[in-house]
């Protein structure tokens, strides 16, 4: 039996989430797990609305329309920026709708991995073993999280980002595309690691580091 799903955010990240849903459905042995009811977005651009239309999925309107969805409808937050995703997650809590866990068939989630609701693992994402992931963590294309790591809520690891073993990432951390966090390091809440950076020492909360080594 398929479960109703609404994707919140119809920008590029949200439309990529739709691709994950379709891949999950196509790989299912039985009935497709998800029935996408449409996209909800409070401020969609005209360009993105046209792109959604090409995907033949309806635009439902703003997030206030979530009150009209059937009981048991799940949400997927198709929002790439961790701070924005955290803000939307907080607002949508009042609707009481559960968050979907979406793992692309070409992603790998290994043994002894614990995750909160809303995990989205994009194609090629790799999570190994003894890893804890918070709420609404997004692991983008070909990213990697190694053994014994802890990632807080609303963390994003962008494409080709790599988190080495025994690292701790706080809430709302962004690991930029192609960036690397070396083993046993700590990245504080709300910190950003720039694209292509190599983190060789702990990163304080709320800071932005970039470069090799990251500063």
N, C-alpha and C. Protein backbone atom coordinates (compact mmCIF):
# COMPACT_ATOMS: atom_id res chain seq x y z
N UNK A 1 0.84 -1.20 0.00
CA UNK A 1 0.00 0.00 0.00
C UNK A 1 0.88 1.25 0.00
N UNK A 2 0.62 2.17 -0.91
CA UNK A 2 1.40 3.40 -1.00
C UNK A 2 0.98 4.40 0.07
N UNK A 3 1.96 5.16 0.53
CA UNK A 3 1.75 6.17 1.56
C UNK A 3 1.86 7.55 0.92
N UNK A 4 0.94 8.44 1.26
CA UNK A 4 0.95 9.80 0.71
C UNK A 4 2.17 10.57 1.19
N UNK A 5 2.72 11.38 0.29
CA UNK A 5 3.92 12.16 0.59
C UNK A 5 3.81 13.52 -0.07
N UNK A 6 4.18 14.57 0.67
CA UNK A 6 4.30 15.92 0.13
C UNK A 6 5.75 16.36 0.29
N UNK A 7 6.32 16.88 -0.78
CA UNK A 7 7.68 17.42 -0.74
C UNK A 7 7.58 18.92 -0.49
N UNK A 8 8.22 19.40 0.56
CA UNK A 8 8.21 20.81 0.91
C UNK A 8 9.44 21.46 0.30
N UNK A 9 9.21 22.36 -0.64
CA UNK A 9 10.30 23.01 -1.37
C UNK A 9 10.36 22.49 -2.79
N UNK A 10 10.13 23.38 -3.77
CA UNK A 10 10.13 22.94 -5.16
C UNK A 10 11.31 23.52 -5.94
N UNK A 11 12.36 23.94 -5.21
CA UNK A 11 13.61 24.32 -5.87
C UNK A 11 14.36 23.09 -6.33
N UNK A 12 15.61 23.29 -6.72
CA UNK A 12 16.39 22.18 -7.24
C UNK A 12 16.53 21.03 -6.27
N UNK A 13 16.76 21.34 -4.98
CA UNK A 13 16.93 20.29 -3.99
C UNK A 13 15.65 19.48 -3.84
N UNK A 14 14.51 20.16 -3.79
CA UNK A 14 13.24 19.46 -3.68
C UNK A 14 12.96 18.58 -4.87
N UNK A 15 13.31 19.06 -6.06
CA UNK A 15 13.07 18.25 -7.25
C UNK A 15 14.02 17.05 -7.30
N UNK A 16 15.21 17.20 -6.74
CA UNK A 16 16.10 16.04 -6.60
C UNK A 16 15.50 15.01 -5.63
N UNK A 17 14.85 15.49 -4.58
CA UNK A 17 14.18 14.57 -3.65
C UNK A 17 13.10 13.77 -4.37
N UNK A 18 12.38 14.42 -5.27
CA UNK A 18 11.39 13.69 -6.07
C UNK A 18 12.07 12.56 -6.84
N UNK A 19 13.24 12.82 -7.38
CA UNK A 19 13.98 11.77 -8.09
C UNK A 19 14.30 10.59 -7.19
N UNK A 20 14.63 10.87 -5.92
CA UNK A 20 14.89 9.79 -4.98
C UNK A 20 13.62 8.98 -4.74
N UNK A 21 12.51 9.67 -4.54
CA UNK A 21 11.25 8.98 -4.32
C UNK A 21 10.92 8.08 -5.50
N UNK A 22 11.09 8.58 -6.69
CA UNK A 22 10.77 7.78 -7.87
C UNK A 22 11.71 6.57 -7.98
N UNK A 23 12.98 6.75 -7.60
CA UNK A 23 13.90 5.62 -7.64
C UNK A 23 13.54 4.57 -6.60
N UNK A 24 13.14 5.01 -5.41
CA UNK A 24 12.70 4.08 -4.36
C UNK A 24 11.48 3.31 -4.84
N UNK A 25 10.52 4.01 -5.43
CA UNK A 25 9.32 3.34 -5.94
C UNK A 25 9.65 2.32 -7.03
N UNK A 26 10.56 2.70 -7.92
CA UNK A 26 10.90 1.81 -9.03
C UNK A 26 11.61 0.56 -8.55
N UNK A 27 12.35 0.66 -7.44
CA UNK A 27 13.11 -0.48 -6.93
C UNK A 27 12.30 -1.40 -6.04
N UNK A 28 11.10 -0.98 -5.65
CA UNK A 28 10.28 -1.76 -4.73
C UNK A 28 9.83 -3.07 -5.38
N UNK A 29 9.87 -4.14 -4.58
CA UNK A 29 9.44 -5.44 -5.09
C UNK A 29 7.93 -5.51 -5.25
N UNK A 30 7.20 -4.82 -4.38
CA UNK A 30 5.75 -4.83 -4.44
C UNK A 30 5.21 -3.48 -4.90
N UNK A 31 4.08 -3.07 -4.34
CA UNK A 31 3.52 -1.75 -4.69
C UNK A 31 4.50 -0.63 -4.33
N UNK A 32 4.50 0.46 -5.06
CA UNK A 32 5.39 1.57 -4.73
C UNK A 32 5.12 2.10 -3.33
N UNK A 33 6.16 2.32 -2.53
CA UNK A 33 5.95 2.76 -1.15
C UNK A 33 5.31 4.14 -1.02
N UNK A 34 5.58 5.02 -1.99
CA UNK A 34 5.16 6.42 -1.86
C UNK A 34 4.26 6.85 -3.00
N UNK A 35 3.27 7.67 -2.65
CA UNK A 35 2.40 8.33 -3.62
C UNK A 35 2.57 9.83 -3.40
N UNK A 36 3.26 10.49 -4.33
CA UNK A 36 3.57 11.92 -4.17
C UNK A 36 2.34 12.74 -4.50
N UNK A 37 1.84 13.44 -3.53
CA UNK A 37 0.66 14.29 -3.73
C UNK A 37 1.03 15.61 -4.39
N UNK A 38 2.26 16.07 -4.19
CA UNK A 38 2.68 17.31 -4.81
C UNK A 38 3.74 18.01 -4.01
N UNK A 39 4.04 19.23 -4.44
CA UNK A 39 5.01 20.10 -3.78
C UNK A 39 4.28 21.21 -3.03
N UNK A 40 4.79 21.55 -1.86
CA UNK A 40 4.34 22.74 -1.14
C UNK A 40 5.51 23.69 -1.00
N UNK A 41 5.27 24.96 -1.24
CA UNK A 41 6.35 25.95 -1.18
C UNK A 41 5.71 27.32 -0.97
N UNK A 42 6.18 28.04 0.03
CA UNK A 42 5.58 29.35 0.32
C UNK A 42 6.00 30.45 -0.65
N UNK A 43 7.17 30.32 -1.25
CA UNK A 43 7.64 31.37 -2.16
C UNK A 43 8.33 30.77 -3.39
N UNK A 44 7.61 30.01 -4.17
CA UNK A 44 8.25 29.41 -5.34
C UNK A 44 8.49 30.44 -6.44
N UNK A 45 9.57 30.29 -7.15
CA UNK A 45 9.81 31.16 -8.29
C UNK A 45 9.02 30.65 -9.49
N UNK A 46 8.79 31.53 -10.44
CA UNK A 46 8.09 31.12 -11.66
C UNK A 46 8.89 30.05 -12.41
N UNK A 47 10.20 30.18 -12.39
CA UNK A 47 11.05 29.19 -13.06
C UNK A 47 10.87 27.82 -12.44
N UNK A 48 10.89 27.76 -11.11
CA UNK A 48 10.74 26.46 -10.46
C UNK A 48 9.35 25.87 -10.63
N UNK A 49 8.33 26.73 -10.67
CA UNK A 49 6.98 26.22 -10.91
C UNK A 49 6.89 25.57 -12.29
N UNK A 50 7.54 26.16 -13.29
CA UNK A 50 7.54 25.57 -14.63
C UNK A 50 8.30 24.24 -14.63
N UNK A 51 9.39 24.18 -13.86
CA UNK A 51 10.16 22.93 -13.81
C UNK A 51 9.38 21.83 -13.11
N UNK A 52 8.63 22.18 -12.07
CA UNK A 52 7.78 21.21 -11.40
C UNK A 52 6.69 20.71 -12.35
N UNK A 53 6.13 21.63 -13.13
CA UNK A 53 5.09 21.25 -14.08
C UNK A 53 5.61 20.24 -15.08
N UNK A 54 6.87 20.39 -15.52
CA UNK A 54 7.45 19.43 -16.46
C UNK A 54 7.58 18.04 -15.85
N UNK A 55 7.70 17.99 -14.53
CA UNK A 55 7.81 16.70 -13.84
C UNK A 55 6.45 16.04 -13.62
N UNK A 56 5.39 16.74 -14.01
CA UNK A 56 4.02 16.22 -13.91
C UNK A 56 3.64 15.90 -12.47
N UNK A 57 4.05 16.78 -11.58
CA UNK A 57 3.66 16.69 -10.17
C UNK A 57 3.02 18.03 -9.81
N UNK A 58 1.87 18.05 -9.17
CA UNK A 58 1.19 19.32 -8.90
C UNK A 58 1.89 20.17 -7.85
N UNK A 59 1.77 21.47 -8.03
CA UNK A 59 2.13 22.42 -6.99
C UNK A 59 0.87 22.65 -6.16
N UNK A 60 0.96 22.35 -4.86
CA UNK A 60 -0.21 22.38 -4.00
C UNK A 60 -0.49 23.77 -3.43
N UNK A 61 0.51 24.63 -3.43
CA UNK A 61 0.38 25.93 -2.79
C UNK A 61 1.35 26.05 -1.64
N UNK A 62 1.11 27.02 -0.76
CA UNK A 62 1.98 27.24 0.39
C UNK A 62 1.83 26.15 1.44
N UNK A 63 2.69 26.20 2.45
CA UNK A 63 2.66 25.16 3.48
C UNK A 63 1.37 25.17 4.29
N UNK A 64 0.62 26.26 4.28
CA UNK A 64 -0.68 26.26 4.97
C UNK A 64 -1.62 25.21 4.39
N UNK A 65 -1.41 24.83 3.14
CA UNK A 65 -2.26 23.82 2.51
C UNK A 65 -2.02 22.42 3.08
N UNK A 66 -0.97 22.28 3.89
CA UNK A 66 -0.72 20.97 4.49
C UNK A 66 -1.85 20.53 5.41
N UNK A 67 -2.61 21.49 5.92
CA UNK A 67 -3.74 21.14 6.77
C UNK A 67 -4.83 20.40 6.00
N UNK A 68 -4.79 20.49 4.67
CA UNK A 68 -5.80 19.84 3.83
C UNK A 68 -5.42 18.43 3.42
N UNK A 69 -4.22 18.00 3.79
CA UNK A 69 -3.76 16.68 3.35
C UNK A 69 -4.38 15.57 4.20
N UNK A 70 -4.54 14.39 3.62
CA UNK A 70 -5.15 13.28 4.36
C UNK A 70 -4.34 12.90 5.59
N UNK A 71 -5.00 12.37 6.58
CA UNK A 71 -4.30 11.88 7.77
C UNK A 71 -3.29 10.82 7.34
N UNK A 72 -2.13 10.85 7.97
CA UNK A 72 -1.09 9.88 7.63
C UNK A 72 -0.19 10.31 6.51
N UNK A 73 -0.38 11.53 5.98
CA UNK A 73 0.52 12.04 4.94
C UNK A 73 1.88 12.34 5.55
N UNK A 74 2.93 11.94 4.85
CA UNK A 74 4.31 12.21 5.27
C UNK A 74 4.86 13.43 4.54
N UNK A 75 5.89 14.03 5.14
CA UNK A 75 6.57 15.17 4.54
C UNK A 75 8.02 14.82 4.25
N UNK A 76 8.55 15.40 3.18
CA UNK A 76 9.98 15.37 2.91
C UNK A 76 10.42 16.81 2.71
N UNK A 77 11.39 17.25 3.50
CA UNK A 77 11.85 18.63 3.42
C UNK A 77 12.93 18.74 2.35
N UNK A 78 12.52 19.19 1.17
CA UNK A 78 13.44 19.34 0.05
C UNK A 78 14.12 20.69 0.08
N UNK A 79 14.82 20.97 1.16
CA UNK A 79 15.44 22.27 1.39
C UNK A 79 16.92 22.02 1.71
N UNK A 80 17.80 22.56 0.89
CA UNK A 80 19.21 22.23 1.03
C UNK A 80 19.92 22.91 2.17
N UNK A 81 19.60 24.16 2.45
CA UNK A 81 20.30 24.93 3.47
C UNK A 81 19.90 24.46 4.87
N UNK A 82 20.85 24.09 5.73
CA UNK A 82 20.48 23.58 7.05
C UNK A 82 19.69 24.56 7.90
N UNK A 83 20.05 25.83 7.89
CA UNK A 83 19.33 26.81 8.72
C UNK A 83 17.89 26.96 8.24
N UNK A 84 17.70 27.03 6.93
CA UNK A 84 16.34 27.14 6.40
C UNK A 84 15.55 25.87 6.68
N UNK A 85 16.19 24.73 6.56
CA UNK A 85 15.50 23.47 6.83
C UNK A 85 15.08 23.39 8.30
N UNK A 86 15.95 23.84 9.20
CA UNK A 86 15.60 23.84 10.62
C UNK A 86 14.42 24.77 10.90
N UNK A 87 14.41 25.95 10.26
CA UNK A 87 13.32 26.89 10.48
C UNK A 87 11.99 26.33 9.98
N UNK A 88 12.00 25.75 8.80
CA UNK A 88 10.77 25.17 8.25
C UNK A 88 10.32 23.98 9.09
N UNK A 89 11.25 23.16 9.52
CA UNK A 89 10.91 22.03 10.38
C UNK A 89 10.20 22.50 11.64
N UNK A 90 10.70 23.58 12.23
CA UNK A 90 10.05 24.11 13.44
C UNK A 90 8.64 24.60 13.19
N UNK A 91 8.43 25.28 12.05
CA UNK A 91 7.09 25.78 11.73
C UNK A 91 6.11 24.66 11.42
N UNK A 92 6.60 23.62 10.75
CA UNK A 92 5.70 22.55 10.33
C UNK A 92 5.37 21.58 11.45
N UNK A 93 6.07 21.68 12.56
CA UNK A 93 5.78 20.78 13.69
C UNK A 93 4.33 20.92 14.14
N UNK A 94 3.76 22.12 13.98
CA UNK A 94 2.38 22.36 14.42
C UNK A 94 1.38 21.51 13.63
N UNK A 95 1.74 21.07 12.43
CA UNK A 95 0.82 20.28 11.61
C UNK A 95 0.78 18.81 12.03
N UNK A 96 1.78 18.38 12.77
CA UNK A 96 1.77 17.01 13.27
C UNK A 96 1.93 15.93 12.22
N UNK A 97 2.54 16.26 11.08
CA UNK A 97 2.74 15.28 10.02
C UNK A 97 4.13 14.65 10.14
N UNK A 98 4.23 13.35 10.02
CA UNK A 98 5.54 12.70 10.16
C UNK A 98 6.44 12.98 8.96
N UNK A 99 7.74 12.82 9.19
CA UNK A 99 8.72 13.04 8.12
C UNK A 99 9.15 11.69 7.55
N UNK A 100 9.25 11.64 6.24
CA UNK A 100 9.66 10.42 5.55
C UNK A 100 11.17 10.23 5.67
N UNK A 101 11.59 8.98 5.71
CA UNK A 101 13.00 8.61 5.56
C UNK A 101 13.16 8.07 4.14
N UNK A 102 14.04 8.70 3.37
CA UNK A 102 14.22 8.36 1.96
C UNK A 102 15.69 8.01 1.71
N UNK A 103 15.93 6.79 1.32
CA UNK A 103 17.29 6.32 1.01
C UNK A 103 17.29 5.82 -0.42
N UNK A 104 18.03 6.49 -1.28
CA UNK A 104 18.10 6.09 -2.68
C UNK A 104 18.64 4.67 -2.79
N UNK A 105 18.15 3.88 -3.74
CA UNK A 105 18.65 2.51 -3.90
C UNK A 105 20.15 2.42 -4.12
N UNK A 106 20.77 3.47 -4.65
CA UNK A 106 22.21 3.47 -4.87
C UNK A 106 22.98 4.07 -3.70
N UNK A 107 22.32 4.34 -2.58
CA UNK A 107 22.99 4.77 -1.35
C UNK A 107 23.19 3.55 -0.46
N UNK A 108 24.14 3.65 0.47
CA UNK A 108 24.44 2.56 1.38
C UNK A 108 24.37 3.06 2.81
N UNK A 109 23.50 2.45 3.60
CA UNK A 109 23.44 2.72 5.04
C UNK A 109 23.81 1.41 5.73
N UNK A 110 24.97 1.39 6.38
CA UNK A 110 25.51 0.16 6.92
C UNK A 110 24.88 -0.27 8.23
N UNK A 111 25.45 -1.31 8.85
CA UNK A 111 24.90 -1.84 10.10
C UNK A 111 25.14 -0.89 11.27
N UNK A 112 24.25 -0.95 12.24
CA UNK A 112 24.38 -0.19 13.48
C UNK A 112 24.36 1.31 13.22
N UNK A 113 23.49 1.73 12.31
CA UNK A 113 23.28 3.16 12.05
C UNK A 113 21.93 3.54 12.62
N UNK A 114 21.92 4.58 13.45
CA UNK A 114 20.69 5.08 14.06
C UNK A 114 20.42 6.46 13.49
N UNK A 115 19.18 6.70 13.06
CA UNK A 115 18.88 8.01 12.47
C UNK A 115 17.53 8.50 12.96
N UNK A 116 17.39 9.81 12.97
CA UNK A 116 16.11 10.43 13.27
C UNK A 116 15.24 10.48 12.04
N UNK A 117 14.01 10.97 12.22
CA UNK A 117 13.09 11.07 11.09
C UNK A 117 13.60 12.12 10.11
N UNK A 118 13.22 11.94 8.87
CA UNK A 118 13.56 12.92 7.84
C UNK A 118 14.88 12.71 7.16
N UNK A 119 15.61 11.64 7.47
CA UNK A 119 16.87 11.37 6.78
C UNK A 119 16.62 11.26 5.28
N UNK A 120 17.46 11.93 4.48
CA UNK A 120 17.43 11.76 3.03
C UNK A 120 18.85 11.47 2.57
N UNK A 121 19.03 10.28 1.98
CA UNK A 121 20.32 9.85 1.46
C UNK A 121 20.24 9.80 -0.06
N UNK A 122 21.00 10.64 -0.71
CA UNK A 122 20.98 10.79 -2.16
C UNK A 122 21.80 9.67 -2.81
N UNK A 123 21.70 9.52 -4.13
CA UNK A 123 22.44 8.44 -4.79
C UNK A 123 23.94 8.54 -4.54
N UNK A 124 24.54 7.39 -4.23
CA UNK A 124 25.97 7.34 -3.99
C UNK A 124 26.39 7.69 -2.58
N UNK A 125 25.47 8.12 -1.72
CA UNK A 125 25.84 8.41 -0.32
C UNK A 125 26.23 7.13 0.38
N UNK A 126 27.23 7.22 1.27
CA UNK A 126 27.73 6.06 1.98
C UNK A 126 27.82 6.36 3.47
N UNK A 127 27.17 5.54 4.28
CA UNK A 127 27.27 5.62 5.73
C UNK A 127 27.72 4.24 6.19
N UNK A 128 28.76 4.16 7.02
CA UNK A 128 29.34 2.85 7.30
C UNK A 128 28.73 2.20 8.53
N UNK A 129 29.32 2.35 9.72
CA UNK A 129 28.82 1.61 10.87
C UNK A 129 28.97 2.41 12.16
N UNK A 130 28.09 2.13 13.11
CA UNK A 130 28.06 2.83 14.39
C UNK A 130 28.02 4.35 14.18
N UNK A 131 27.03 4.76 13.41
CA UNK A 131 26.84 6.18 13.10
C UNK A 131 25.47 6.60 13.62
N UNK A 132 25.42 7.78 14.22
CA UNK A 132 24.16 8.35 14.70
C UNK A 132 23.87 9.63 13.91
N UNK A 133 22.70 9.68 13.31
CA UNK A 133 22.28 10.83 12.51
C UNK A 133 21.04 11.44 13.14
N UNK A 134 21.01 12.76 13.27
CA UNK A 134 19.87 13.44 13.87
C UNK A 134 18.70 13.58 12.90
N UNK A 135 17.77 14.46 13.25
CA UNK A 135 16.59 14.71 12.43
C UNK A 135 16.96 15.46 11.16
N UNK A 136 16.30 15.08 10.08
CA UNK A 136 16.39 15.81 8.81
C UNK A 136 17.83 16.04 8.37
N UNK A 137 18.65 15.00 8.51
CA UNK A 137 20.01 15.03 7.96
C UNK A 137 19.92 14.72 6.46
N UNK A 138 20.65 15.50 5.67
CA UNK A 138 20.69 15.27 4.23
C UNK A 138 22.12 14.92 3.83
N UNK A 139 22.26 13.76 3.22
CA UNK A 139 23.55 13.28 2.71
C UNK A 139 23.47 13.28 1.20
N UNK A 140 24.12 14.26 0.60
CA UNK A 140 23.97 14.49 -0.83
C UNK A 140 24.79 13.51 -1.66
N UNK A 141 24.71 13.70 -2.99
CA UNK A 141 25.29 12.73 -3.92
C UNK A 141 26.75 12.44 -3.61
N UNK A 142 27.06 11.13 -3.50
CA UNK A 142 28.43 10.65 -3.36
C UNK A 142 29.15 11.21 -2.14
N UNK A 143 28.40 11.52 -1.10
CA UNK A 143 29.01 11.91 0.17
C UNK A 143 29.31 10.67 0.99
N UNK A 144 30.13 10.84 2.04
CA UNK A 144 30.52 9.69 2.86
C UNK A 144 30.60 10.09 4.32
N UNK A 145 30.06 9.22 5.17
CA UNK A 145 30.17 9.38 6.62
C UNK A 145 30.74 8.06 7.15
N UNK A 146 31.91 8.13 7.78
CA UNK A 146 32.62 6.93 8.20
C UNK A 146 32.19 6.48 9.60
N UNK A 147 32.83 5.47 10.09
CA UNK A 147 32.47 4.78 11.32
C UNK A 147 32.49 5.69 12.55
N UNK A 148 31.61 5.40 13.48
CA UNK A 148 31.63 5.98 14.83
C UNK A 148 31.42 7.49 14.85
N UNK A 149 30.68 8.01 13.88
CA UNK A 149 30.40 9.45 13.82
C UNK A 149 29.05 9.76 14.44
N UNK A 150 28.90 11.00 14.86
CA UNK A 150 27.62 11.53 15.30
C UNK A 150 27.35 12.84 14.56
N UNK A 151 26.20 12.90 13.88
CA UNK A 151 25.78 14.11 13.19
C UNK A 151 24.49 14.60 13.84
N UNK A 152 24.44 15.89 14.18
CA UNK A 152 23.27 16.46 14.83
C UNK A 152 22.12 16.67 13.87
N UNK A 153 21.10 17.36 14.35
CA UNK A 153 19.92 17.64 13.55
C UNK A 153 20.24 18.60 12.40
N UNK A 154 19.56 18.41 11.27
CA UNK A 154 19.58 19.33 10.13
C UNK A 154 20.98 19.53 9.53
N UNK A 155 21.83 18.55 9.66
CA UNK A 155 23.15 18.60 9.04
C UNK A 155 23.02 18.30 7.55
N UNK A 156 23.83 18.98 6.73
CA UNK A 156 23.94 18.67 5.31
C UNK A 156 25.39 18.35 4.98
N UNK A 157 25.60 17.21 4.32
CA UNK A 157 26.91 16.89 3.74
C UNK A 157 26.71 16.96 2.23
N UNK A 158 27.27 17.97 1.61
CA UNK A 158 27.03 18.23 0.20
C UNK A 158 27.78 17.24 -0.69
N UNK A 159 27.52 17.26 -2.00
CA UNK A 159 28.10 16.25 -2.88
C UNK A 159 29.61 16.13 -2.73
N UNK A 160 30.07 14.87 -2.62
CA UNK A 160 31.48 14.50 -2.50
C UNK A 160 32.11 14.92 -1.18
N UNK A 161 31.31 15.44 -0.24
CA UNK A 161 31.83 15.72 1.09
C UNK A 161 32.12 14.42 1.82
N UNK A 162 33.14 14.44 2.69
CA UNK A 162 33.53 13.23 3.41
C UNK A 162 33.78 13.57 4.88
N UNK A 163 33.16 12.79 5.75
CA UNK A 163 33.36 12.93 7.19
C UNK A 163 34.06 11.66 7.66
N UNK A 164 35.28 11.83 8.14
CA UNK A 164 36.09 10.67 8.54
C UNK A 164 35.62 10.10 9.87
N UNK A 165 36.22 9.00 10.27
CA UNK A 165 35.76 8.26 11.43
C UNK A 165 35.85 9.03 12.74
N UNK A 166 34.90 8.75 13.64
CA UNK A 166 34.90 9.26 15.01
C UNK A 166 34.82 10.79 15.07
N UNK A 167 34.05 11.38 14.16
CA UNK A 167 33.84 12.83 14.17
C UNK A 167 32.49 13.15 14.80
N UNK A 168 32.38 14.39 15.29
CA UNK A 168 31.13 14.88 15.85
C UNK A 168 30.77 16.18 15.15
N UNK A 169 29.61 16.19 14.49
CA UNK A 169 29.10 17.39 13.83
C UNK A 169 27.87 17.86 14.58
N UNK A 170 27.86 19.13 14.99
CA UNK A 170 26.73 19.66 15.74
C UNK A 170 25.53 19.94 14.87
N UNK A 171 24.48 20.44 15.49
CA UNK A 171 23.25 20.76 14.77
C UNK A 171 23.49 21.81 13.70
N UNK A 172 22.86 21.63 12.54
CA UNK A 172 22.88 22.65 11.50
C UNK A 172 24.20 22.84 10.80
N UNK A 173 25.11 21.89 10.89
CA UNK A 173 26.41 22.01 10.22
C UNK A 173 26.24 21.78 8.72
N UNK A 174 26.98 22.54 7.93
CA UNK A 174 27.03 22.36 6.48
C UNK A 174 28.45 21.98 6.09
N UNK A 175 28.60 20.82 5.47
CA UNK A 175 29.88 20.39 4.90
C UNK A 175 29.78 20.61 3.40
N UNK A 176 30.57 21.52 2.88
CA UNK A 176 30.47 21.91 1.48
C UNK A 176 30.92 20.83 0.51
N UNK A 177 30.60 21.03 -0.74
CA UNK A 177 30.92 20.05 -1.78
C UNK A 177 32.42 19.78 -1.82
N UNK A 178 32.78 18.50 -1.79
CA UNK A 178 34.18 18.12 -1.89
C UNK A 178 35.01 18.38 -0.66
N UNK A 179 34.41 18.81 0.43
CA UNK A 179 35.16 19.09 1.66
C UNK A 179 35.40 17.80 2.44
N UNK A 180 36.45 17.81 3.26
CA UNK A 180 36.83 16.65 4.04
C UNK A 180 37.02 17.07 5.49
N UNK A 181 36.46 16.30 6.41
CA UNK A 181 36.71 16.48 7.84
C UNK A 181 37.53 15.28 8.29
N UNK A 182 38.75 15.53 8.78
CA UNK A 182 39.62 14.43 9.17
C UNK A 182 39.15 13.81 10.48
N UNK A 183 39.67 12.65 10.78
CA UNK A 183 39.16 11.81 11.85
C UNK A 183 39.28 12.47 13.22
N UNK A 184 38.30 12.14 14.06
CA UNK A 184 38.26 12.50 15.48
C UNK A 184 38.11 14.00 15.72
N UNK A 185 37.59 14.74 14.76
CA UNK A 185 37.42 16.18 14.92
C UNK A 185 35.98 16.52 15.28
N UNK A 186 35.83 17.74 15.79
CA UNK A 186 34.52 18.25 16.21
C UNK A 186 34.21 19.51 15.41
N UNK A 187 32.99 19.58 14.87
CA UNK A 187 32.52 20.77 14.16
C UNK A 187 31.29 21.25 14.90
N UNK A 188 31.36 22.48 15.43
CA UNK A 188 30.32 22.98 16.32
C UNK A 188 29.03 23.35 15.62
N UNK A 189 27.97 23.54 16.41
CA UNK A 189 26.64 23.87 15.90
C UNK A 189 26.69 25.04 14.92
N UNK A 190 26.01 24.89 13.80
CA UNK A 190 25.84 25.99 12.87
C UNK A 190 27.08 26.37 12.08
N UNK A 191 28.14 25.59 12.18
CA UNK A 191 29.37 25.91 11.43
C UNK A 191 29.23 25.50 9.97
N UNK A 192 30.00 26.17 9.12
CA UNK A 192 30.04 25.86 7.70
C UNK A 192 31.46 25.55 7.29
N UNK A 193 31.64 24.44 6.61
CA UNK A 193 32.93 24.07 6.02
C UNK A 193 32.82 24.29 4.52
N UNK A 194 33.61 25.20 4.00
CA UNK A 194 33.50 25.59 2.61
C UNK A 194 33.85 24.48 1.64
N UNK A 195 33.39 24.62 0.42
CA UNK A 195 33.63 23.62 -0.63
C UNK A 195 35.12 23.39 -0.81
N UNK A 196 35.51 22.12 -0.88
CA UNK A 196 36.89 21.77 -1.14
C UNK A 196 37.83 21.92 0.04
N UNK A 197 37.33 22.30 1.19
CA UNK A 197 38.19 22.51 2.36
C UNK A 197 38.62 21.18 2.96
N UNK A 198 39.72 21.23 3.71
CA UNK A 198 40.18 20.07 4.48
C UNK A 198 40.31 20.50 5.94
N UNK A 199 39.44 19.96 6.77
CA UNK A 199 39.42 20.35 8.18
C UNK A 199 40.42 19.48 8.94
N UNK A 200 41.39 20.13 9.58
CA UNK A 200 42.47 19.42 10.29
C UNK A 200 42.44 19.71 11.79
N UNK A 201 41.53 20.58 12.23
CA UNK A 201 41.39 20.87 13.65
C UNK A 201 39.92 21.16 13.95
N UNK A 202 39.54 21.13 15.21
CA UNK A 202 38.15 21.37 15.58
C UNK A 202 37.68 22.73 15.07
N UNK A 203 36.39 22.80 14.71
CA UNK A 203 35.79 24.03 14.18
C UNK A 203 34.79 24.55 15.21
N UNK A 204 34.97 25.79 15.71
CA UNK A 204 34.03 26.32 16.71
C UNK A 204 32.63 26.52 16.12
N UNK A 205 31.65 26.52 16.98
CA UNK A 205 30.26 26.73 16.58
C UNK A 205 30.10 28.07 15.86
N UNK A 206 29.26 28.09 14.84
CA UNK A 206 28.88 29.33 14.17
C UNK A 206 29.94 29.94 13.28
N UNK A 207 31.03 29.25 13.03
CA UNK A 207 32.09 29.82 12.22
C UNK A 207 32.06 29.25 10.81
N UNK A 208 32.76 29.93 9.89
CA UNK A 208 32.92 29.47 8.52
C UNK A 208 34.41 29.24 8.29
N UNK A 209 34.76 28.05 7.83
CA UNK A 209 36.16 27.77 7.52
C UNK A 209 36.25 27.33 6.07
N UNK A 210 37.41 27.60 5.45
CA UNK A 210 37.61 27.21 4.06
C UNK A 210 39.10 27.07 3.79
N UNK A 211 39.42 26.42 2.71
CA UNK A 211 40.81 26.28 2.31
C UNK A 211 41.42 24.97 2.78
N UNK A 212 42.70 24.79 2.42
CA UNK A 212 43.47 23.59 2.77
C UNK A 212 44.80 24.04 3.36
N UNK A 213 45.02 23.88 4.66
CA UNK A 213 44.04 23.39 5.65
C UNK A 213 42.97 24.45 5.91
N UNK A 214 41.83 24.00 6.39
CA UNK A 214 40.71 24.92 6.60
C UNK A 214 41.00 25.88 7.74
N UNK A 215 40.71 27.18 7.50
CA UNK A 215 40.89 28.22 8.53
C UNK A 215 39.65 29.10 8.55
